[in-house]
């Protein structure tokens, strides 16, 4: 009897401890670029204290924009109204224009790469191999856009952690090369 109770208690503890281990988001959920984890105050604070606040612009959202060390890419970290200070809700990476080169602060980073190695110049096949099949594919002005989206807190646990209703990532290709990508949480 005592052995049965101990075995039952051990099973309950084992099951309870499994709940403490965070479940992984689906494979396509990419939430980190250049060391900034979206919705994470510590990484946002670390990034801005290391690299400064960038060129700050306000169009209703606060944008912190940076130029890569090679002057070929722009990183736009977006902060939504009502979010926790020093957290970023969206990250966009695109090619730099001559105007960007003149006005944005240049970082020592040669380019802006995600945790899984997504960076400008990758092929569509490489992105699909890393992230799986997108929810939708669109073509516009000679560009192909892959869209990945999740609005289930059960399927994408990060949504519960950051208290957002959805996650979305866009990958834009021209001549089969990644020319722009954005990932984050659409403004509610």
Protein backbone atom coordinates (compact mmCIF):
# COMPACT_ATOMS: atom_id res chain seq x y z
CA UNK A 1 0.00 0.00 0.00
CA UNK A 2 2.78 2.42 0.99
CA UNK A 3 4.69 1.53 -2.18
CA UNK A 4 1.58 2.29 -4.27
CA UNK A 5 1.14 5.67 -2.57
CA UNK A 6 4.80 6.52 -3.11
CA UNK A 7 4.59 5.50 -6.76
CA UNK A 8 1.41 7.60 -7.19
CA UNK A 9 3.07 10.61 -5.51
CA UNK A 10 6.16 10.21 -7.70
CA UNK A 11 3.96 10.15 -10.82
CA UNK A 12 2.08 13.27 -9.69
CA UNK A 13 5.37 15.10 -9.06
CA UNK A 14 6.71 13.99 -12.44
CA UNK A 15 3.55 15.18 -14.21
CA UNK A 16 3.59 18.50 -12.29
CA UNK A 17 7.23 19.09 -13.14
CA UNK A 18 6.47 18.56 -16.83
CA UNK A 19 4.15 21.59 -16.65
CA UNK A 20 7.10 23.68 -15.45
CA UNK A 21 9.07 22.95 -18.60
CA UNK A 22 7.98 25.45 -21.27
CA UNK A 23 6.58 23.88 -24.38
CA UNK A 24 8.37 24.83 -27.57
CA UNK A 25 6.65 27.06 -30.07
CA UNK A 26 5.94 25.62 -33.50
CA UNK A 27 9.02 25.43 -35.69
CA UNK A 28 8.12 28.53 -37.73
CA UNK A 29 7.89 30.87 -34.73
CA UNK A 30 11.09 32.91 -34.90
CA UNK A 31 11.29 35.60 -32.21
CA UNK A 32 14.89 36.78 -32.07
CA UNK A 33 16.93 39.02 -34.36
CA UNK A 34 20.42 40.36 -33.61
CA UNK A 35 20.15 39.15 -30.02
CA UNK A 36 16.83 40.90 -29.32
CA UNK A 37 14.14 38.49 -28.16
CA UNK A 38 10.73 39.96 -28.90
CA UNK A 39 8.66 40.73 -25.81
CA UNK A 40 11.71 40.32 -23.56
CA UNK A 41 12.74 43.31 -21.47
CA UNK A 42 16.20 41.96 -20.54
CA UNK A 43 17.35 41.47 -24.15
CA UNK A 44 15.83 44.78 -25.26
CA UNK A 45 17.58 46.63 -22.42
CA UNK A 46 20.86 44.84 -23.15
CA UNK A 47 20.66 45.71 -26.86
CA UNK A 48 19.85 49.41 -26.35
CA UNK A 49 22.44 49.82 -23.59
CA UNK A 50 25.09 48.26 -25.88
CA UNK A 51 24.09 49.93 -29.15
CA UNK A 52 22.16 53.02 -28.06
CA UNK A 53 18.54 53.77 -28.89
CA UNK A 54 19.21 54.10 -32.61
CA UNK A 55 17.32 56.61 -34.71
CA UNK A 56 14.00 56.90 -32.91
CA UNK A 57 10.91 57.67 -34.97
CA UNK A 58 7.29 57.87 -33.86
CA UNK A 59 4.39 57.16 -36.19
CA UNK A 60 2.10 56.03 -33.38
CA UNK A 61 4.56 53.24 -32.69
CA UNK A 62 8.11 53.87 -31.50
CA UNK A 63 10.76 52.67 -33.98
CA UNK A 64 14.43 52.19 -33.07
CA UNK A 65 16.32 51.96 -36.37
CA UNK A 66 19.91 50.82 -36.91
CA UNK A 67 22.23 50.38 -39.87
CA UNK A 68 24.43 47.29 -40.18
CA UNK A 69 28.21 47.69 -40.08
CA UNK A 70 28.32 46.87 -43.79
CA UNK A 71 25.76 49.67 -44.37
CA UNK A 72 23.66 47.26 -46.43
CA UNK A 73 20.84 46.44 -43.97
CA UNK A 74 18.40 48.23 -41.67
CA UNK A 75 17.02 46.78 -38.44
CA UNK A 76 13.78 48.39 -37.24
CA UNK A 77 12.76 47.39 -33.72
CA UNK A 78 9.18 48.44 -32.98
CA UNK A 79 7.70 49.22 -29.57
CA UNK A 80 3.89 49.35 -29.28
CA UNK A 81 1.99 51.79 -27.06
CA UNK A 82 1.20 50.15 -23.72
CA UNK A 83 4.05 47.63 -23.90
CA UNK A 84 6.57 47.19 -21.12
CA UNK A 85 9.50 49.62 -21.41
CA UNK A 86 12.50 48.26 -23.35
CA UNK A 87 10.53 45.43 -24.93
CA UNK A 88 10.14 45.21 -28.67
CA UNK A 89 7.03 43.78 -30.28
CA UNK A 90 8.18 43.58 -33.87
CA UNK A 91 11.48 43.41 -35.75
CA UNK A 92 11.92 44.22 -39.42
CA UNK A 93 15.05 43.73 -41.51
CA UNK A 94 15.42 45.18 -45.01
CA UNK A 95 18.03 46.48 -47.40
CA UNK A 96 19.40 49.96 -46.71
CA UNK A 97 18.78 52.96 -48.95
CA UNK A 98 21.22 55.85 -49.46
CA UNK A 99 19.06 57.96 -47.10
CA UNK A 100 19.35 55.26 -44.40
CA UNK A 101 23.14 55.33 -44.75
CA UNK A 102 23.14 59.09 -44.15
CA UNK A 103 20.85 59.18 -41.13
CA UNK A 104 20.96 55.91 -39.19
CA UNK A 105 23.57 54.96 -36.59
CA UNK A 106 25.87 52.20 -37.78
CA UNK A 107 26.41 49.15 -35.57
CA UNK A 108 29.42 46.87 -35.52
CA UNK A 109 27.20 43.93 -36.58
CA UNK A 110 27.86 43.05 -40.23
CA UNK A 111 24.21 41.99 -40.72
CA UNK A 112 21.04 41.24 -38.79
CA UNK A 113 20.52 37.51 -38.37
CA UNK A 114 17.77 35.59 -36.55
CA UNK A 115 18.43 32.86 -34.02
CA UNK A 116 17.96 30.21 -36.71
CA UNK A 117 20.22 31.94 -39.20
CA UNK A 118 17.63 33.70 -41.29
CA UNK A 119 19.27 36.62 -43.04
CA UNK A 120 18.85 38.67 -46.19
CA UNK A 121 20.01 36.87 -49.33
CA UNK A 122 18.70 33.43 -48.34
CA UNK A 123 16.65 31.54 -50.94
CA UNK A 124 12.97 30.71 -50.61
CA UNK A 125 13.79 27.00 -50.43
CA UNK A 126 16.20 27.62 -47.53
CA UNK A 127 13.56 29.56 -45.57
CA UNK A 128 10.90 26.89 -46.15
CA UNK A 129 13.41 24.20 -45.10
CA UNK A 130 14.04 26.10 -41.84
CA UNK A 131 10.45 27.09 -41.04
CA UNK A 132 8.18 24.65 -42.85
CA UNK A 133 5.36 25.43 -45.22
CA UNK A 134 3.86 28.94 -44.83
CA UNK A 135 0.19 29.60 -44.13
CA UNK A 136 -0.03 31.67 -47.31
CA UNK A 137 1.98 32.71 -50.35
CA UNK A 138 1.29 35.91 -52.29
CA UNK A 139 2.86 37.56 -55.32
CA UNK A 140 2.96 41.33 -55.72
CA UNK A 141 5.07 43.54 -57.99
CA UNK A 142 7.44 40.70 -58.89
CA UNK A 143 7.94 39.76 -55.25
CA UNK A 144 6.89 36.58 -53.47
CA UNK A 145 5.69 36.93 -49.87
CA UNK A 146 5.55 34.00 -47.46
CA UNK A 147 3.31 34.54 -44.43
CA UNK A 148 3.47 32.52 -41.21
CA UNK A 149 0.82 33.22 -38.57
CA UNK A 150 -0.33 31.77 -35.25
CA UNK A 151 -3.17 32.96 -33.04
CA UNK A 152 -3.43 29.99 -30.70
CA UNK A 153 -1.90 30.38 -27.24
CA UNK A 154 -1.85 26.62 -26.90
CA UNK A 155 0.07 26.16 -30.15
CA UNK A 156 2.28 29.26 -29.66
CA UNK A 157 2.99 29.63 -25.93
CA UNK A 158 4.93 32.87 -26.48
CA UNK A 159 1.58 34.60 -27.04
CA UNK A 160 0.59 33.92 -23.44
CA UNK A 161 3.98 35.08 -22.13
CA UNK A 162 3.85 38.40 -23.99
CA UNK A 163 0.06 38.78 -23.70
CA UNK A 164 -0.51 39.22 -27.42
CA UNK A 165 -3.30 37.72 -29.55
CA UNK A 166 -1.24 36.64 -32.56
CA UNK A 167 2.23 36.09 -34.00
CA UNK A 168 3.07 36.88 -37.61
CA UNK A 169 6.17 36.61 -39.78
CA UNK A 170 6.58 37.86 -43.35
CA UNK A 171 9.41 36.88 -45.69
CA UNK A 172 9.69 38.83 -48.95
CA UNK A 173 11.67 37.45 -51.92
CA UNK A 174 12.76 39.05 -55.14
CA UNK A 175 14.45 36.87 -57.77
CA UNK A 176 14.31 34.05 -55.17
CA UNK A 177 16.45 35.97 -52.65
CA UNK A 178 15.19 37.19 -49.27
CA UNK A 179 15.12 41.01 -49.46
CA UNK A 180 13.05 41.78 -46.36
CA UNK A 181 11.58 40.04 -43.35
CA UNK A 182 9.54 40.99 -40.32
CA UNK A 183 8.47 39.03 -37.31
CA UNK A 184 6.47 39.84 -34.25
CA UNK A 185 3.03 40.52 -32.97
CA UNK A 186 0.47 42.46 -35.04
CA UNK A 187 -0.80 45.43 -33.04
CA UNK A 188 -4.01 44.32 -31.33
